[in-house]
Protein backbone atom coordinates (compact mmCIF):
# COMPACT_ATOMS: atom_id res chain seq x y z
CA UNK A 1 86.70 136.65 86.11
CA UNK A 2 88.23 133.55 87.68
CA UNK A 3 86.20 130.39 88.16
CA UNK A 4 86.91 127.50 90.52
CA UNK A 5 88.09 124.39 88.76
CA UNK A 6 85.95 121.31 88.38
CA UNK A 7 87.32 119.09 91.10
CA UNK A 8 88.20 115.46 90.89
CA UNK A 9 89.19 113.11 93.68
CA UNK A 10 92.69 114.57 93.80
CA UNK A 11 91.97 118.18 92.93
CA UNK A 12 91.49 120.75 95.67
CA UNK A 13 90.12 124.25 95.22
CA UNK A 14 91.09 125.75 98.58
CA UNK A 15 93.81 125.01 101.11
CA UNK A 16 93.64 126.58 104.57
CA UNK A 17 96.89 126.81 106.55
CA UNK A 18 96.71 127.03 110.34
CA UNK A 19 99.95 127.29 112.33
CA UNK A 20 99.48 126.00 115.88
CA UNK A 21 101.63 126.48 118.96
CA UNK A 22 100.17 125.38 122.31
CA UNK A 23 96.66 126.38 121.23
CA UNK A 24 93.58 125.56 123.28
CA UNK A 25 91.89 122.50 121.66
CA UNK A 26 88.51 124.18 122.02
CA UNK A 27 89.63 126.85 119.57
CA UNK A 28 90.74 124.20 117.08
CA UNK A 29 87.35 122.44 117.16
CA UNK A 30 85.43 125.70 116.80
CA UNK A 31 87.74 126.77 113.98
CA UNK A 32 86.99 123.61 112.00
CA UNK A 33 83.25 124.02 112.55
CA UNK A 34 83.28 127.64 111.38
CA UNK A 35 85.50 126.83 108.41
CA UNK A 36 83.13 124.14 107.23
CA UNK A 37 80.09 126.38 107.76
CA UNK A 38 81.60 129.13 105.61
CA UNK A 39 83.38 127.13 102.89
CA UNK A 40 80.76 124.46 102.21
CA UNK A 41 78.20 126.94 100.74
CA UNK A 42 80.86 128.08 98.25
CA UNK A 43 80.80 124.61 96.66
CA UNK A 44 84.58 124.29 96.94
CA UNK A 45 86.63 121.24 97.78
CA UNK A 46 89.03 122.18 100.55
CA UNK A 47 91.71 120.91 102.87
CA UNK A 48 92.95 122.22 106.20
CA UNK A 49 96.71 122.00 106.77
CA UNK A 50 97.58 122.22 110.45
CA UNK A 51 101.24 122.90 111.24
CA UNK A 52 102.18 121.92 114.78
CA UNK A 53 105.06 124.27 115.55
CA UNK A 54 106.56 122.28 118.40
CA UNK A 55 103.57 122.32 120.77
CA UNK A 56 104.29 120.68 124.11
CA UNK A 57 100.81 120.39 125.57
CA UNK A 58 97.46 118.78 124.82
CA UNK A 59 97.29 120.61 121.49
CA UNK A 60 99.46 117.89 119.95
CA UNK A 61 97.10 115.11 121.06
CA UNK A 62 94.08 117.07 119.87
CA UNK A 63 95.63 117.70 116.46
CA UNK A 64 96.52 114.03 115.99
CA UNK A 65 92.99 112.99 116.85
CA UNK A 66 91.56 115.55 114.41
CA UNK A 67 93.89 114.36 111.63
CA UNK A 68 92.88 110.75 112.24
CA UNK A 69 89.14 111.44 112.17
CA UNK A 70 88.79 114.03 109.39
CA UNK A 71 89.50 113.08 105.78
CA UNK A 72 90.35 116.61 104.61
CA UNK A 73 92.86 117.35 107.37
CA UNK A 74 96.63 117.29 107.04
CA UNK A 75 98.90 117.58 110.06
CA UNK A 76 102.55 118.55 109.78
CA UNK A 77 104.55 118.25 112.99
CA UNK A 78 107.79 120.21 113.05
CA UNK A 79 110.75 118.83 114.97
CA UNK A 80 110.74 121.85 117.31
CA UNK A 81 109.39 125.37 117.58
CA UNK A 82 110.73 127.24 114.53
CA UNK A 83 108.44 130.26 114.81
CA UNK A 84 105.26 131.36 113.10
CA UNK A 85 106.81 132.43 109.80
CA UNK A 86 108.64 129.11 109.37
CA UNK A 87 105.46 127.22 110.27
CA UNK A 88 103.50 129.14 107.64
CA UNK A 89 106.23 128.33 105.12
CA UNK A 90 105.92 124.63 105.97
CA UNK A 91 102.19 124.83 105.41
CA UNK A 92 102.61 126.57 102.06
CA UNK A 93 105.01 123.86 100.91
CA UNK A 94 102.40 121.17 101.64
CA UNK A 95 99.29 122.71 100.09
CA UNK A 96 97.64 121.59 96.87
CA UNK A 97 94.75 124.02 96.50
CA UNK A 98 94.22 126.43 93.63
CA UNK A 99 93.78 129.05 96.34
CA UNK A 100 95.52 129.15 99.71
CA UNK A 101 94.29 130.94 102.84
CA UNK A 102 96.55 131.42 105.84
CA UNK A 103 95.02 132.26 109.20
CA UNK A 104 95.66 132.12 112.94
CA UNK A 105 94.35 129.32 115.13
CA UNK A 106 92.89 131.53 117.88
CA UNK A 107 89.76 132.59 115.90
CA UNK A 108 90.83 136.23 115.88
CA UNK A 109 90.99 135.75 112.11
CA UNK A 110 87.30 134.99 111.43
CA UNK A 111 86.55 132.24 108.88
CA UNK A 112 83.45 134.29 107.98
CA UNK A 113 85.73 136.56 105.94
CA UNK A 114 86.78 133.76 103.56
CA UNK A 115 83.68 134.06 101.30
CA UNK A 116 84.47 137.77 100.82
CA UNK A 117 88.06 136.93 99.94
CA UNK A 118 86.88 134.25 97.53
CA UNK A 119 84.61 136.75 95.79
CA UNK A 120 87.56 139.13 95.33
CA UNK A 121 89.59 136.24 93.90
CA UNK A 122 86.82 135.57 91.40
CA UNK A 123 87.00 139.25 90.41
CA UNK A 124 90.60 138.72 89.35
CA UNK A 125 92.70 139.52 92.42
CA UNK A 126 95.66 137.24 93.10
CA UNK A 127 96.13 138.28 96.73
CA UNK A 128 93.37 139.35 99.12
CA UNK A 129 94.60 140.40 102.56
CA UNK A 130 92.63 141.34 105.67
CA UNK A 131 93.12 144.91 106.91
CA UNK A 132 92.44 145.31 110.60
CA UNK A 133 90.03 148.24 110.67
CA UNK A 134 89.38 147.63 114.35
CA UNK A 135 91.03 145.32 116.83
CA UNK A 136 90.09 144.48 120.41
CA UNK A 137 93.54 143.65 121.73
CA UNK A 138 95.23 145.23 124.71
CA UNK A 139 96.25 148.87 124.42
CA UNK A 140 99.99 148.10 124.48
CA UNK A 141 99.67 145.60 121.65
CA UNK A 142 97.49 147.92 119.58
CA UNK A 143 99.77 150.91 120.02
CA UNK A 144 103.01 149.05 119.31
CA UNK A 145 101.49 147.41 116.21
CA UNK A 146 100.30 150.82 114.99
CA UNK A 147 103.76 152.34 115.40
CA UNK A 148 105.50 149.35 113.82
CA UNK A 149 103.50 149.47 110.60
CA UNK A 150 103.97 153.24 110.28
CA UNK A 151 107.72 153.05 110.86
CA UNK A 152 108.07 150.07 108.51
CA UNK A 153 106.00 151.84 105.87
CA UNK A 154 108.19 154.93 106.12
CA UNK A 155 111.49 153.04 105.95
CA UNK A 156 110.69 150.10 103.68
CA UNK A 157 111.39 150.04 99.95
CA UNK A 158 108.28 147.85 99.52
CA UNK A 159 104.73 149.12 99.90
CA UNK A 160 103.64 146.90 102.78
CA UNK A 161 99.92 147.35 103.58
CA UNK A 162 99.40 148.85 107.01
CA UNK A 163 97.54 147.07 109.78
CA UNK A 164 97.65 143.68 108.08
CA UNK A 165 98.78 140.38 109.52
CA UNK A 166 99.20 137.03 107.80
CA UNK A 167 95.48 136.45 107.19
CA UNK A 168 95.22 136.45 103.41
CA UNK A 169 94.08 134.48 100.38
CA UNK A 170 96.64 133.80 97.65
CA UNK A 171 96.34 132.36 94.18
CA UNK A 172 98.42 129.27 93.42
CA UNK A 173 100.82 131.22 91.20
CA UNK A 174 101.53 133.58 94.11
CA UNK A 175 102.17 130.65 96.45
CA UNK A 176 104.61 129.10 93.99
CA UNK A 177 106.35 132.45 93.47
CA UNK A 178 106.62 132.90 97.24
CA UNK A 179 108.11 129.41 97.59
CA UNK A 180 110.76 130.29 95.00
CA UNK A 181 112.22 133.09 97.14
CA UNK A 182 115.47 131.78 98.65
CA UNK A 183 115.45 133.55 102.03
CA UNK A 184 115.71 131.37 105.12
CA UNK A 185 114.51 134.20 107.35
CA UNK A 186 110.91 134.72 106.31
CA UNK A 187 108.78 137.84 106.78
CA UNK A 188 105.79 136.76 104.73
CA UNK A 189 103.67 139.86 105.22
CA UNK A 190 106.46 141.78 103.49
CA UNK A 191 107.45 139.13 100.94
CA UNK A 192 103.96 138.86 99.45
CA UNK A 193 103.72 142.60 98.59
CA UNK A 194 107.23 142.41 97.13
CA UNK A 195 106.04 139.76 94.66
CA UNK A 196 103.59 142.16 93.08
CA UNK A 197 100.57 140.62 91.30
CA UNK A 198 97.10 142.10 91.68
CA UNK A 199 96.36 142.65 95.36
CA UNK A 200 93.59 144.21 97.42
CA UNK A 201 92.46 144.40 101.03
CA UNK A 202 89.18 143.70 102.78
CA UNK A 203 88.29 145.21 106.18
CA UNK A 204 88.56 143.00 109.24
CA UNK A 205 86.92 143.66 112.59
CA UNK A 206 89.38 141.66 114.67
CA UNK A 207 87.81 140.15 117.77
CA UNK A 208 89.56 139.58 121.05
CA UNK A 209 90.67 136.07 121.96
CA UNK A 210 87.82 134.28 123.73
CA UNK A 211 89.49 131.06 124.86
CA UNK A 212 93.02 130.46 126.11
CA UNK A 213 96.02 132.74 126.33
CA UNK A 214 98.13 134.11 123.50
CA UNK A 215 101.47 132.38 122.99
CA UNK A 216 102.81 135.32 120.98
CA UNK A 217 105.00 137.00 123.59
CA UNK A 218 106.48 140.49 123.54
CA UNK A 219 109.85 138.94 122.70
CA UNK A 220 108.40 137.23 119.62
CA UNK A 221 106.71 140.45 118.53
CA UNK A 222 110.00 142.33 118.82
CA UNK A 223 111.80 139.61 116.85
CA UNK A 224 109.18 139.84 114.11
CA UNK A 225 109.51 143.63 114.02
CA UNK A 226 113.30 143.46 113.72
CA UNK A 227 112.96 140.76 111.04
CA UNK A 228 110.68 143.00 109.00
CA UNK A 229 112.87 146.09 109.31
CA UNK A 230 116.07 144.24 108.47
CA UNK A 231 114.54 142.29 105.58
CA UNK A 232 112.87 145.22 103.84
CA UNK A 233 114.81 148.34 104.74
CA UNK A 234 118.39 149.57 104.68
CA UNK A 235 117.28 152.99 105.90
CA UNK A 236 118.79 152.44 109.39
CA UNK A 237 122.23 152.10 107.79
CA UNK A 238 121.72 155.31 105.82
CA UNK A 239 120.55 156.95 109.03
CA UNK A 240 123.84 156.00 110.69
CA UNK A 241 125.73 157.74 107.89
CA UNK A 242 123.60 160.86 108.31
CA UNK A 243 124.13 160.89 112.08
CA UNK A 244 127.88 160.43 111.64
CA UNK A 245 128.12 163.23 109.08
CA UNK A 246 126.03 165.50 111.32
CA UNK A 247 128.27 164.88 114.31
CA UNK A 248 131.36 165.65 112.24
CA UNK A 249 129.74 168.88 111.10
CA UNK A 250 128.81 169.86 114.65
CA UNK A 251 132.34 169.12 115.85
CA UNK A 252 133.83 171.35 113.14
CA UNK A 253 131.42 174.14 114.05
CA UNK A 254 132.26 173.77 117.75
CA UNK A 255 136.00 173.88 117.07
CA UNK A 256 135.53 176.94 114.86
CA UNK A 257 133.50 178.69 117.55
CA UNK A 258 136.10 177.92 120.21
CA UNK A 259 138.91 179.13 117.94
CA UNK A 260 137.00 182.33 117.20
CA UNK A 261 136.30 183.06 120.87
CA UNK A 262 139.65 181.78 122.09
CA UNK A 263 137.98 179.60 124.70
CA UNK A 264 139.11 175.97 124.73
CA UNK A 265 138.37 175.17 128.34
CA UNK A 266 136.06 172.23 129.12
CA UNK A 267 135.18 170.97 132.58
CA UNK A 268 135.71 167.35 133.56
CA UNK A 269 131.95 166.84 133.69
CA UNK A 270 131.53 168.13 130.14
CA UNK A 271 134.32 165.90 128.86
CA UNK A 272 132.80 162.89 130.63
CA UNK A 273 129.36 163.55 129.16
CA UNK A 274 130.80 163.92 125.65
CA UNK A 275 132.80 160.72 126.03
CA UNK A 276 129.80 158.73 127.25
CA UNK A 277 127.59 160.17 124.49
CA UNK A 278 129.93 159.31 121.63
CA UNK A 279 130.80 155.91 123.10
CA UNK A 280 127.11 155.07 123.33
CA UNK A 281 126.54 156.17 119.74
CA UNK A 282 129.43 154.03 118.54
CA UNK A 283 128.17 150.96 120.38
CA UNK A 284 124.65 151.48 119.02
CA UNK A 285 125.99 151.83 115.48
CA UNK A 286 128.12 148.72 115.77
CA UNK A 287 125.16 146.83 117.23
CA UNK A 288 122.90 147.80 114.33
CA UNK A 289 125.48 146.76 111.77
CA UNK A 290 125.97 143.51 113.69
CA UNK A 291 122.25 142.72 113.36
CA UNK A 292 122.47 143.03 109.57
CA UNK A 293 125.62 140.89 109.52
CA UNK A 294 123.99 138.23 111.72
CA UNK A 295 121.11 137.95 109.23
CA UNK A 296 123.64 137.54 106.43
CA UNK A 297 125.33 134.81 108.47
CA UNK A 298 122.01 133.00 108.85
CA UNK A 299 121.58 133.01 105.07
CA UNK A 300 125.17 131.87 104.41
CA UNK A 301 124.80 128.93 106.79
CA UNK A 302 122.00 127.63 104.55
CA UNK A 303 120.23 125.86 107.37
CA UNK A 304 116.70 124.70 106.51
CA UNK A 305 113.80 126.98 107.31
CA UNK A 306 112.12 124.13 109.16
CA UNK A 307 112.39 120.39 109.82
CA UNK A 308 109.40 118.06 109.61
CA UNK A 309 109.24 115.31 112.22
CA UNK A 310 105.97 113.70 111.15
CA UNK A 311 103.10 114.03 108.70
CA UNK A 312 99.66 112.69 109.51
CA UNK A 313 96.37 112.60 107.64
CA UNK A 314 94.74 110.79 104.77
CA UNK A 315 95.68 113.64 102.45
CA UNK A 316 99.27 112.40 102.44
CA UNK A 317 100.46 109.39 100.53
CA UNK A 318 102.57 107.25 102.89
CA UNK A 319 102.41 109.99 105.54
CA UNK A 320 105.28 108.78 107.71
CA UNK A 321 107.49 107.44 104.94
CA UNK A 322 111.12 108.54 105.18
CA UNK A 323 111.89 110.64 102.11
CA UNK A 324 115.37 111.29 100.80
CA UNK A 325 114.55 112.95 97.50
CA UNK A 326 113.34 116.52 97.89
CA UNK A 327 111.54 116.39 94.55
CA UNK A 328 108.99 114.00 96.04
CA UNK A 329 108.23 116.23 99.01
CA UNK A 330 105.60 118.30 97.16
CA UNK A 331 103.39 117.47 94.19
CA UNK A 332 104.09 120.57 92.13
CA UNK A 333 107.40 120.92 90.32
CA UNK A 334 107.70 124.59 91.18
CA UNK A 335 107.26 123.95 94.87
CA UNK A 336 109.71 121.06 94.74
CA UNK A 337 112.36 123.23 93.16
CA UNK A 338 111.81 125.95 95.73
CA UNK A 339 111.93 123.47 98.59
CA UNK A 340 115.20 122.12 97.25
CA UNK A 341 116.63 125.63 97.18
CA UNK A 342 115.85 126.08 100.87
CA UNK A 343 117.15 122.56 101.55
CA UNK A 344 114.17 121.64 103.64
CA UNK A 345 115.04 118.38 105.35
CA UNK A 346 112.38 115.83 106.17
CA UNK A 347 113.20 113.68 109.19
CA UNK A 348 110.12 111.52 109.59
CA UNK A 349 109.87 109.13 112.50
CA UNK A 350 109.96 105.52 111.32
CA UNK A 351 107.70 102.99 112.85
């Protein structure tokens, strides 16, 4: 059974990552209150790492005020909106806790579940993820999420838990292993199961958003779905081969039937339909292959997963210091090496 370490002034038991994009400040305040109410009884030292993913509204001002007033708050401001997965990666690279929890900022991931996750960690689990047993989202979002996880589970070579998001607790060794993966395109809810280690799920009754509007648009959901399918499945490419072989077989059978009956006459309408059908199939096949190639191009370009514009909070030493050596960007050697692999560039504003 695992035990929390005896903490000193610089040791942290638990790091909580919260990626923020144009979030209602009321949710941020309530989140901090509920985090403190649920973590304090566990007798753990903890930090909250907010990652501002290019917010353009009052969320930025609220986050800066929070970071200035709270001693256990870190704020990482990215240079623009890089997306949720990149923001989570930035948070992981700046955590120091023996355990790391990632959660959303809209309170749909309840902080009240953290004590249950912590208990599972003490039992020896390295990853504890929240499984959405019930969710109060809109019907379209629920149904598309349900289909996505079933399709991904059927096609993926990795056993990705169904109905799970990014709300999970990870042991430090899992965080360091995740940071060592070289992909620039991140699909964390698939990468963590790929790592292995001892994992389990806990049920989550996911509430509806109470304050503000979701910034996760249908376009972003589709991008995340494509990212997951491309990153963890080559089944679509095999499916193309099967479809092509089937069409060849059908063509041979059709030619044989026409030769046997002596009828080779086709109307103009039939020829047009066949031409449109096969042209559409060819374009779809080329498009699917192009998606895979575009992801390869993204990796070959070796652009950083994210860029940091500013770091705020007493948890940082020299928070807005311009850093040129990647090794100094994180305290742990393993994280520093991983960050160097991804060539994460820090472009802090100088005062």
